[in-house]
């Protein structure tokens, strides 16, 4: 079991301040965020989430050690106070993301959506359209034009929000397609890889893209929740049958999808 700290770690990225003009948005205004949170996660979580955070120092030491298998390797579940990782999919997403980071430790890495810096110090570039912070680049992935290309673009539970939880004019499906194309066509090196994790059942457009094969990933890995802290590898059909928020809070299945430059085949060995 991976129990890493009860307080947030600060980002240690070398990226300078790079803020665009942030308009009021459901992610950064209380008036917008509370109704959105209730709609997406249920009214009970308005009470349960802060209680979990408050009692995290008591809860975390009492959680049983758990591991899960990903790509044939055992990984330890990750328990942390921030976003109460044990309550949802974060407990497996963080170790999965860390495994990809470890494979690209000396490479150029971009994280889309600021997640990992909340759990441990990072040195890679971070792009987040709405969250402000030291070193975070506040731009849209579709229009982002950096001076370099990336060997790994990593995104943890972010792509499901694209066009679904923002004020996009086009459909979520169209904007997700545009975001993936921006990464694979413009931002990756010739041998680069885009890796995203998404909860199933959250965004209907994304679920349909996955079901129809329209997502067009080079490789897909599915994980399904069978107990509160137990996750197992799954088929696509099994994972797509899982519902968001039922029977367990937050995601009950996730997809880890890999994309390459022009979707060239990715070697099976990682």
C-alpha atoms as a PDB file:
ATOM      1  CA  UNK A   1       0.000   0.000   0.000  1.00  0.00           C
ATOM      2  CA  UNK A   2       1.210   3.458  -0.901  1.00  0.00           C
ATOM      3  CA  UNK A   3       0.340   5.975   1.819  1.00  0.00           C
ATOM      4  CA  UNK A   4       1.967   9.227   0.786  1.00  0.00           C
ATOM      5  CA  UNK A   5       1.465  12.202   3.049  1.00  0.00           C
ATOM      6  CA  UNK A   6      -1.587  13.882   4.461  1.00  0.00           C
ATOM      7  CA  UNK A   7      -0.867  17.330   3.068  1.00  0.00           C
ATOM      8  CA  UNK A   8      -0.427  18.668  -0.432  1.00  0.00           C
ATOM      9  CA  UNK A   9       3.043  18.699  -1.948  1.00  0.00           C
ATOM     10  CA  UNK A  10       4.136  21.797  -3.796  1.00  0.00           C
ATOM     11  CA  UNK A  11       4.915  21.710  -7.477  1.00  0.00           C
ATOM     12  CA  UNK A  12       8.619  21.858  -8.289  1.00  0.00           C
ATOM     13  CA  UNK A  13       8.315  22.371 -12.009  1.00  0.00           C
ATOM     14  CA  UNK A  14      10.703  24.609 -13.881  1.00  0.00           C
ATOM     15  CA  UNK A  15       7.907  26.163 -15.940  1.00  0.00           C
ATOM     16  CA  UNK A  16       7.522  29.914 -15.279  1.00  0.00           C
ATOM     17  CA  UNK A  17       4.248  31.636 -14.440  1.00  0.00           C
ATOM     18  CA  UNK A  18       2.129  31.552 -17.574  1.00  0.00           C
ATOM     19  CA  UNK A  19      -1.390  32.711 -16.896  1.00  0.00           C
ATOM     20  CA  UNK A  20      -3.987  33.535 -19.497  1.00  0.00           C
ATOM     21  CA  UNK A  21      -7.036  35.612 -18.586  1.00  0.00           C
ATOM     22  CA  UNK A  22      -9.240  33.306 -16.528  1.00  0.00           C
ATOM     23  CA  UNK A  23     -12.944  34.007 -16.876  1.00  0.00           C
ATOM     24  CA  UNK A  24     -15.426  33.004 -14.185  1.00  0.00           C
ATOM     25  CA  UNK A  25     -16.113  29.315 -14.571  1.00  0.00           C
ATOM     26  CA  UNK A  26     -17.739  26.515 -12.625  1.00  0.00           C
ATOM     27  CA  UNK A  27     -14.274  25.256 -11.689  1.00  0.00           C
ATOM     28  CA  UNK A  28     -13.174  28.508 -10.056  1.00  0.00           C
ATOM     29  CA  UNK A  29     -16.368  30.033  -8.634  1.00  0.00           C
ATOM     30  CA  UNK A  30     -18.299  28.678  -5.646  1.00  0.00           C
ATOM     31  CA  UNK A  31     -21.649  29.644  -7.179  1.00  0.00           C
ATOM     32  CA  UNK A  32     -20.901  27.493 -10.216  1.00  0.00           C
ATOM     33  CA  UNK A  33     -19.004  24.650  -8.603  1.00  0.00           C
ATOM     34  CA  UNK A  34     -21.492  23.586  -5.908  1.00  0.00           C
ATOM     35  CA  UNK A  35     -24.495  22.934  -8.251  1.00  0.00           C
ATOM     36  CA  UNK A  36     -22.160  21.235 -10.743  1.00  0.00           C
ATOM     37  CA  UNK A  37     -20.685  19.030  -8.004  1.00  0.00           C
ATOM     38  CA  UNK A  38     -24.132  17.948  -6.791  1.00  0.00           C
ATOM     39  CA  UNK A  39     -25.247  17.142 -10.331  1.00  0.00           C
ATOM     40  CA  UNK A  40     -22.162  15.089 -11.151  1.00  0.00           C
ATOM     41  CA  UNK A  41     -21.429  13.381  -7.817  1.00  0.00           C
ATOM     42  CA  UNK A  42     -24.641  13.533  -5.777  1.00  0.00           C
ATOM     43  CA  UNK A  43     -25.844  15.687  -2.881  1.00  0.00           C
ATOM     44  CA  UNK A  44     -24.528  13.251  -0.270  1.00  0.00           C
ATOM     45  CA  UNK A  45     -20.965  13.882  -1.416  1.00  0.00           C
ATOM     46  CA  UNK A  46     -21.296  17.547  -0.421  1.00  0.00           C
ATOM     47  CA  UNK A  47     -21.230  16.250   3.160  1.00  0.00           C
ATOM     48  CA  UNK A  48     -19.193  13.054   2.786  1.00  0.00           C
ATOM     49  CA  UNK A  49     -16.272  14.555   0.862  1.00  0.00           C
ATOM     50  CA  UNK A  50     -15.303  17.165   3.505  1.00  0.00           C
ATOM     51  CA  UNK A  51     -15.802  14.578   6.251  1.00  0.00           C
ATOM     52  CA  UNK A  52     -13.377  12.203   4.535  1.00  0.00           C
ATOM     53  CA  UNK A  53     -10.846  15.017   4.190  1.00  0.00           C
ATOM     54  CA  UNK A  54     -11.200  16.060   7.834  1.00  0.00           C
ATOM     55  CA  UNK A  55     -10.851  12.515   9.147  1.00  0.00           C
ATOM     56  CA  UNK A  56      -8.183  11.430   6.634  1.00  0.00           C
ATOM     57  CA  UNK A  57      -5.444  11.339   9.328  1.00  0.00           C
ATOM     58  CA  UNK A  58      -7.568   8.762  11.150  1.00  0.00           C
ATOM     59  CA  UNK A  59      -8.859   6.876   8.103  1.00  0.00           C
ATOM     60  CA  UNK A  60      -5.661   6.442   6.067  1.00  0.00           C
ATOM     61  CA  UNK A  61      -3.577   4.581   8.701  1.00  0.00           C
ATOM     62  CA  UNK A  62      -6.450   2.125   9.110  1.00  0.00           C
ATOM     63  CA  UNK A  63      -6.887   1.297   5.419  1.00  0.00           C
ATOM     64  CA  UNK A  64      -5.729  -2.220   4.505  1.00  0.00           C
ATOM     65  CA  UNK A  65      -2.784  -2.656   2.124  1.00  0.00           C
ATOM     66  CA  UNK A  66      -4.086  -3.278  -1.392  1.00  0.00           C
ATOM     67  CA  UNK A  67      -2.473  -3.969  -4.742  1.00  0.00           C
ATOM     68  CA  UNK A  68      -3.841  -4.290  -8.260  1.00  0.00           C
ATOM     69  CA  UNK A  69      -2.424  -5.585 -11.524  1.00  0.00           C
ATOM     70  CA  UNK A  70      -1.748  -3.272 -14.446  1.00  0.00           C
ATOM     71  CA  UNK A  71      -0.100  -4.483 -17.656  1.00  0.00           C
ATOM     72  CA  UNK A  72       0.936  -7.655 -15.852  1.00  0.00           C
ATOM     73  CA  UNK A  73       2.641  -5.840 -12.958  1.00  0.00           C
ATOM     74  CA  UNK A  74       1.417  -5.414  -9.373  1.00  0.00           C
ATOM     75  CA  UNK A  75       1.017  -1.809  -8.242  1.00  0.00           C
ATOM     76  CA  UNK A  76       0.174  -0.569  -4.757  1.00  0.00           C
ATOM     77  CA  UNK A  77      -3.024   1.393  -4.205  1.00  0.00           C
ATOM     78  CA  UNK A  78      -2.364   5.016  -3.309  1.00  0.00           C
ATOM     79  CA  UNK A  79      -4.050   6.595  -0.283  1.00  0.00           C
ATOM     80  CA  UNK A  80      -3.911  10.352   0.206  1.00  0.00           C
ATOM     81  CA  UNK A  81      -5.974  13.055   1.835  1.00  0.00           C
ATOM     82  CA  UNK A  82      -6.259  15.279  -1.241  1.00  0.00           C
ATOM     83  CA  UNK A  83      -9.409  14.243  -3.138  1.00  0.00           C
ATOM     84  CA  UNK A  84      -9.685  11.287  -0.748  1.00  0.00           C
ATOM     85  CA  UNK A  85      -8.033   8.919  -3.185  1.00  0.00           C
ATOM     86  CA  UNK A  86      -9.229   5.784  -1.386  1.00  0.00           C
ATOM     87  CA  UNK A  87     -12.864   6.736  -2.070  1.00  0.00           C
ATOM     88  CA  UNK A  88     -12.575   6.648  -5.855  1.00  0.00           C
ATOM     89  CA  UNK A  89     -10.462   5.909  -8.908  1.00  0.00           C
ATOM     90  CA  UNK A  90      -7.518   8.088  -7.826  1.00  0.00           C
ATOM     91  CA  UNK A  91      -6.172   5.231  -5.720  1.00  0.00           C
ATOM     92  CA  UNK A  92      -5.204   3.379  -8.916  1.00  0.00           C
ATOM     93  CA  UNK A  93      -4.798   6.301 -11.325  1.00  0.00           C
ATOM     94  CA  UNK A  94      -1.894   7.824  -9.380  1.00  0.00           C
ATOM     95  CA  UNK A  95       0.274   4.671  -9.312  1.00  0.00           C
ATOM     96  CA  UNK A  96      -0.564   4.004 -12.974  1.00  0.00           C
ATOM     97  CA  UNK A  97       0.466   7.550 -13.910  1.00  0.00           C
ATOM     98  CA  UNK A  98       3.607   7.257 -11.777  1.00  0.00           C
ATOM     99  CA  UNK A  99       4.580   4.088 -13.646  1.00  0.00           C
ATOM    100  CA  UNK A 100       4.443   5.981 -16.956  1.00  0.00           C
ATOM    101  CA  UNK A 101       6.419   8.883 -15.474  1.00  0.00           C
ATOM    102  CA  UNK A 102       9.108   6.487 -14.265  1.00  0.00           C
ATOM    103  CA  UNK A 103       9.459   5.146 -17.811  1.00  0.00           C
ATOM    104  CA  UNK A 104      10.056   8.713 -19.069  1.00  0.00           C
ATOM    105  CA  UNK A 105      12.156  10.083 -16.207  1.00  0.00           C
ATOM    106  CA  UNK A 106      14.713  11.779 -18.446  1.00  0.00           C
ATOM    107  CA  UNK A 107      12.303  12.824 -21.201  1.00  0.00           C
ATOM    108  CA  UNK A 108      10.114  15.843 -21.968  1.00  0.00           C
ATOM    109  CA  UNK A 109       6.775  15.306 -20.236  1.00  0.00           C
ATOM    110  CA  UNK A 110       3.561  17.356 -20.296  1.00  0.00           C
ATOM    111  CA  UNK A 111       0.705  16.770 -17.897  1.00  0.00           C
ATOM    112  CA  UNK A 112      -2.708  17.963 -19.089  1.00  0.00           C
ATOM    113  CA  UNK A 113      -4.741  18.799 -15.983  1.00  0.00           C
ATOM    114  CA  UNK A 114      -2.891  19.527 -12.753  1.00  0.00           C
ATOM    115  CA  UNK A 115      -3.180  16.340 -10.707  1.00  0.00           C
ATOM    116  CA  UNK A 116       0.159  14.790  -9.765  1.00  0.00           C
ATOM    117  CA  UNK A 117       1.639  17.884  -8.114  1.00  0.00           C
ATOM    118  CA  UNK A 118      -1.039  17.584  -5.427  1.00  0.00           C
ATOM    119  CA  UNK A 119       0.544  14.299  -4.345  1.00  0.00           C
ATOM    120  CA  UNK A 120       4.292  14.562  -4.863  1.00  0.00           C
ATOM    121  CA  UNK A 121       6.872  17.024  -6.265  1.00  0.00           C
ATOM    122  CA  UNK A 122       7.063  17.044 -10.052  1.00  0.00           C
ATOM    123  CA  UNK A 123       9.421  18.603 -12.576  1.00  0.00           C
ATOM    124  CA  UNK A 124       7.433  18.199 -15.802  1.00  0.00           C
ATOM    125  CA  UNK A 125       5.367  20.844 -17.604  1.00  0.00           C
ATOM    126  CA  UNK A 126       1.737  21.238 -16.473  1.00  0.00           C
ATOM    127  CA  UNK A 127      -1.087  22.563 -18.654  1.00  0.00           C
ATOM    128  CA  UNK A 128      -4.396  23.338 -16.967  1.00  0.00           C
ATOM    129  CA  UNK A 129      -6.958  25.659 -18.480  1.00  0.00           C
ATOM    130  CA  UNK A 130      -8.569  26.661 -15.179  1.00  0.00           C
ATOM    131  CA  UNK A 131      -6.426  25.870 -12.135  1.00  0.00           C
ATOM    132  CA  UNK A 132      -4.017  28.610 -11.147  1.00  0.00           C
ATOM    133  CA  UNK A 133      -0.702  27.897  -9.465  1.00  0.00           C
ATOM    134  CA  UNK A 134       3.045  28.246  -9.653  1.00  0.00           C
ATOM    135  CA  UNK A 135       4.325  26.858 -12.944  1.00  0.00           C
ATOM    136  CA  UNK A 136       0.886  25.945 -14.318  1.00  0.00           C
ATOM    137  CA  UNK A 137       0.288  26.977 -17.924  1.00  0.00           C
ATOM    138  CA  UNK A 138      -3.298  28.231 -18.240  1.00  0.00           C
ATOM    139  CA  UNK A 139      -4.087  27.433 -21.856  1.00  0.00           C
ATOM    140  CA  UNK A 140      -6.410  25.190 -23.822  1.00  0.00           C
ATOM    141  CA  UNK A 141      -4.685  22.029 -25.074  1.00  0.00           C
ATOM    142  CA  UNK A 142      -6.193  22.565 -28.534  1.00  0.00           C
ATOM    143  CA  UNK A 143      -4.492  25.926 -29.024  1.00  0.00           C
ATOM    144  CA  UNK A 144      -1.352  25.271 -26.965  1.00  0.00           C
ATOM    145  CA  UNK A 145       1.786  25.935 -29.044  1.00  0.00           C
ATOM    146  CA  UNK A 146       4.943  25.230 -27.025  1.00  0.00           C
ATOM    147  CA  UNK A 147       8.463  25.616 -28.358  1.00  0.00           C
ATOM    148  CA  UNK A 148       9.217  21.921 -27.847  1.00  0.00           C
ATOM    149  CA  UNK A 149       7.646  18.515 -28.389  1.00  0.00           C
ATOM    150  CA  UNK A 150       6.913  15.933 -25.719  1.00  0.00           C
ATOM    151  CA  UNK A 151       7.905  12.297 -25.326  1.00  0.00           C
ATOM    152  CA  UNK A 152       4.988  11.730 -22.965  1.00  0.00           C
ATOM    153  CA  UNK A 153       1.728  13.621 -22.571  1.00  0.00           C
ATOM    154  CA  UNK A 154      -0.108  12.360 -19.515  1.00  0.00           C
ATOM    155  CA  UNK A 155      -3.638  13.243 -18.447  1.00  0.00           C
ATOM    156  CA  UNK A 156      -5.446  11.907 -15.381  1.00  0.00           C
ATOM    157  CA  UNK A 157      -9.241  12.092 -15.328  1.00  0.00           C
ATOM    158  CA  UNK A 158      -9.298  15.286 -17.374  1.00  0.00           C
ATOM    159  CA  UNK A 159     -10.394  14.432 -20.914  1.00  0.00           C
ATOM    160  CA  UNK A 160     -13.884  13.432 -19.728  1.00  0.00           C
ATOM    161  CA  UNK A 161     -14.473  17.076 -18.751  1.00  0.00           C
ATOM    162  CA  UNK A 162     -13.558  18.447 -22.184  1.00  0.00           C
ATOM    163  CA  UNK A 163     -16.610  19.947 -23.836  1.00  0.00           C
ATOM    164  CA  UNK A 164     -18.777  18.478 -21.070  1.00  0.00           C
ATOM    165  CA  UNK A 165     -17.945  20.626 -18.055  1.00  0.00           C
ATOM    166  CA  UNK A 166     -16.783  23.757 -19.868  1.00  0.00           C
ATOM    167  CA  UNK A 167     -18.385  26.301 -22.147  1.00  0.00           C
ATOM    168  CA  UNK A 168     -17.386  24.690 -25.418  1.00  0.00           C
ATOM    169  CA  UNK A 169     -19.446  25.661 -28.454  1.00  0.00           C
ATOM    170  CA  UNK A 170     -18.949  22.300 -30.118  1.00  0.00           C
ATOM    171  CA  UNK A 171     -19.990  18.934 -28.697  1.00  0.00           C
ATOM    172  CA  UNK A 172     -17.881  17.107 -26.154  1.00  0.00           C
ATOM    173  CA  UNK A 173     -17.187  14.423 -28.763  1.00  0.00           C
ATOM    174  CA  UNK A 174     -15.822  16.974 -31.237  1.00  0.00           C
ATOM    175  CA  UNK A 175     -13.669  18.744 -28.686  1.00  0.00           C
ATOM    176  CA  UNK A 176     -12.227  15.503 -27.299  1.00  0.00           C
ATOM    177  CA  UNK A 177     -11.319  14.482 -30.843  1.00  0.00           C
ATOM    178  CA  UNK A 178      -9.666  17.882 -31.382  1.00  0.00           C
ATOM    179  CA  UNK A 179      -7.720  17.591 -28.119  1.00  0.00           C
ATOM    180  CA  UNK A 180      -6.403  14.135 -29.008  1.00  0.00           C
ATOM    181  CA  UNK A 181      -5.487  15.328 -32.513  1.00  0.00           C
ATOM    182  CA  UNK A 182      -3.629  18.341 -31.084  1.00  0.00           C
ATOM    183  CA  UNK A 183      -1.522  16.027 -28.961  1.00  0.00           C
ATOM    184  CA  UNK A 184      -0.801  13.354 -31.549  1.00  0.00           C
ATOM    185  CA  UNK A 185      -0.351  15.662 -34.554  1.00  0.00           C
ATOM    186  CA  UNK A 186       1.458  18.662 -33.052  1.00  0.00           C
ATOM    187  CA  UNK A 187       2.711  18.095 -29.521  1.00  0.00           C
ATOM    188  CA  UNK A 188       4.260  14.614 -29.493  1.00  0.00           C
ATOM    189  CA  UNK A 189       7.730  13.682 -30.675  1.00  0.00           C
ATOM    190  CA  UNK A 190       7.929  11.089 -33.434  1.00  0.00           C
ATOM    191  CA  UNK A 191       8.076   8.286 -30.844  1.00  0.00           C
ATOM    192  CA  UNK A 192       5.967  10.087 -28.258  1.00  0.00           C
ATOM    193  CA  UNK A 193       2.971   8.754 -26.420  1.00  0.00           C
ATOM    194  CA  UNK A 194      -0.268  10.304 -25.151  1.00  0.00           C
ATOM    195  CA  UNK A 195      -1.701   8.463 -22.132  1.00  0.00           C
ATOM    196  CA  UNK A 196      -5.068   9.370 -20.651  1.00  0.00           C
ATOM    197  CA  UNK A 197      -7.142   7.888 -17.865  1.00  0.00           C
ATOM    198  CA  UNK A 198     -10.895   8.497 -17.852  1.00  0.00           C
ATOM    199  CA  UNK A 199     -13.747   7.309 -15.614  1.00  0.00           C
ATOM    200  CA  UNK A 200     -16.417   5.390 -17.479  1.00  0.00           C
ATOM    201  CA  UNK A 201     -20.038   6.441 -17.186  1.00  0.00           C
ATOM    202  CA  UNK A 202     -19.270  10.098 -16.482  1.00  0.00           C
ATOM    203  CA  UNK A 203     -19.481  11.646 -19.948  1.00  0.00           C
ATOM    204  CA  UNK A 204     -22.070  10.004 -22.268  1.00  0.00           C
ATOM    205  CA  UNK A 205     -20.325  11.280 -25.423  1.00  0.00           C
ATOM    206  CA  UNK A 206     -17.011   9.810 -24.328  1.00  0.00           C
ATOM    207  CA  UNK A 207     -18.632   6.509 -23.384  1.00  0.00           C
ATOM    208  CA  UNK A 208     -20.162   6.286 -26.851  1.00  0.00           C
ATOM    209  CA  UNK A 209     -16.804   7.060 -28.465  1.00  0.00           C
ATOM    210  CA  UNK A 210     -15.223   4.232 -26.493  1.00  0.00           C
ATOM    211  CA  UNK A 211     -18.059   1.814 -27.244  1.00  0.00           C
ATOM    212  CA  UNK A 212     -17.970   2.496 -30.989  1.00  0.00           C
ATOM    213  CA  UNK A 213     -14.157   2.452 -31.236  1.00  0.00           C
ATOM    214  CA  UNK A 214     -14.205   6.097 -32.315  1.00  0.00           C
ATOM    215  CA  UNK A 215     -11.640   7.008 -29.686  1.00  0.00           C
ATOM    216  CA  UNK A 216      -9.156   5.158 -31.912  1.00  0.00           C
ATOM    217  CA  UNK A 217      -6.521   4.544 -29.248  1.00  0.00           C
ATOM    218  CA  UNK A 218      -3.454   2.491 -30.073  1.00  0.00           C
ATOM    219  CA  UNK A 219      -3.888   0.498 -26.862  1.00  0.00           C
ATOM    220  CA  UNK A 220      -6.617   0.352 -24.232  1.00  0.00           C
ATOM    221  CA  UNK A 221      -6.565  -1.034 -20.692  1.00  0.00           C
ATOM    222  CA  UNK A 222      -9.702  -1.337 -18.596  1.00  0.00           C
ATOM    223  CA  UNK A 223      -9.978  -1.556 -14.803  1.00  0.00           C
ATOM    224  CA  UNK A 224     -13.160  -2.397 -12.901  1.00  0.00           C
ATOM    225  CA  UNK A 225     -14.010  -1.895  -9.238  1.00  0.00           C
ATOM    226  CA  UNK A 226     -15.357  -5.008  -7.496  1.00  0.00           C
ATOM    227  CA  UNK A 227     -15.113  -3.822  -3.876  1.00  0.00           C
ATOM    228  CA  UNK A 228     -14.514  -0.426  -2.294  1.00  0.00           C
ATOM    229  CA  UNK A 229     -10.721  -0.838  -2.487  1.00  0.00           C
ATOM    230  CA  UNK A 230     -10.446  -3.711  -4.966  1.00  0.00           C
ATOM    231  CA  UNK A 231      -9.828  -3.133  -8.678  1.00  0.00           C
ATOM    232  CA  UNK A 232      -9.337  -5.822 -11.339  1.00  0.00           C
ATOM    233  CA  UNK A 233      -8.457  -5.846 -15.016  1.00  0.00           C
ATOM    234  CA  UNK A 234     -11.537  -5.928 -17.198  1.00  0.00           C
ATOM    235  CA  UNK A 235     -12.801  -6.265 -20.734  1.00  0.00           C
ATOM    236  CA  UNK A 236     -14.214  -3.238 -22.500  1.00  0.00           C
ATOM    237  CA  UNK A 237     -17.752  -4.622 -22.392  1.00  0.00           C
ATOM    238  CA  UNK A 238     -17.560  -5.347 -18.661  1.00  0.00           C
ATOM    239  CA  UNK A 239     -16.179  -1.881 -17.950  1.00  0.00           C
ATOM    240  CA  UNK A 240     -18.796  -0.105 -20.065  1.00  0.00           C
ATOM    241  CA  UNK A 241     -21.553  -1.848 -18.133  1.00  0.00           C
ATOM    242  CA  UNK A 242     -20.328  -0.208 -14.918  1.00  0.00           C
ATOM    243  CA  UNK A 243     -22.192   2.867 -13.750  1.00  0.00           C
ATOM    244  CA  UNK A 244     -20.679   6.048 -12.381  1.00  0.00           C
ATOM    245  CA  UNK A 245     -21.422   6.557  -8.628  1.00  0.00           C
ATOM    246  CA  UNK A 246     -23.070   3.109  -8.335  1.00  0.00           C
ATOM    247  CA  UNK A 247     -22.523   0.910  -6.370  1.00  0.00           C
ATOM    248  CA  UNK A 248     -19.422   2.731  -5.121  1.00  0.00           C
ATOM    249  CA  UNK A 249     -18.746   6.494  -5.040  1.00  0.00           C
ATOM    250  CA  UNK A 250     -17.193   8.096  -8.116  1.00  0.00           C
ATOM    251  CA  UNK A 251     -15.921   5.804 -10.905  1.00  0.00           C
ATOM    252  CA  UNK A 252     -16.584   2.092 -10.875  1.00  0.00           C
ATOM    253  CA  UNK A 253     -14.483   1.517 -14.008  1.00  0.00           C
ATOM    254  CA  UNK A 254     -11.748   3.403 -15.818  1.00  0.00           C
ATOM    255  CA  UNK A 255     -10.005   3.320 -19.166  1.00  0.00           C
ATOM    256  CA  UNK A 256      -6.287   3.877 -19.620  1.00  0.00           C
ATOM    257  CA  UNK A 257      -5.801   4.748 -23.291  1.00  0.00           C
ATOM    258  CA  UNK A 258      -2.510   5.133 -25.159  1.00  0.00           C
ATOM    259  CA  UNK A 259      -2.110   7.104 -28.385  1.00  0.00           C
ATOM    260  CA  UNK A 260       0.983   7.534 -30.515  1.00  0.00           C
ATOM    261  CA  UNK A 261       2.057   9.883 -33.274  1.00  0.00           C
ATOM    262  CA  UNK A 262      -0.433   9.230 -36.089  1.00  0.00           C
ATOM    263  CA  UNK A 263      -1.421   6.173 -33.988  1.00  0.00           C
ATOM    264  CA  UNK A 264       1.619   4.145 -34.988  1.00  0.00           C
ATOM    265  CA  UNK A 265       1.665   0.780 -33.203  1.00  0.00           C
ATOM    266  CA  UNK A 266       2.980   0.893 -29.629  1.00  0.00           C
ATOM    267  CA  UNK A 267       5.206  -2.010 -28.567  1.00  0.00           C
ATOM    268  CA  UNK A 268       3.525  -4.324 -26.066  1.00  0.00           C
ATOM    269  CA  UNK A 269       6.533  -4.252 -23.759  1.00  0.00           C
ATOM    270  CA  UNK A 270       6.699  -1.160 -21.531  1.00  0.00           C
END
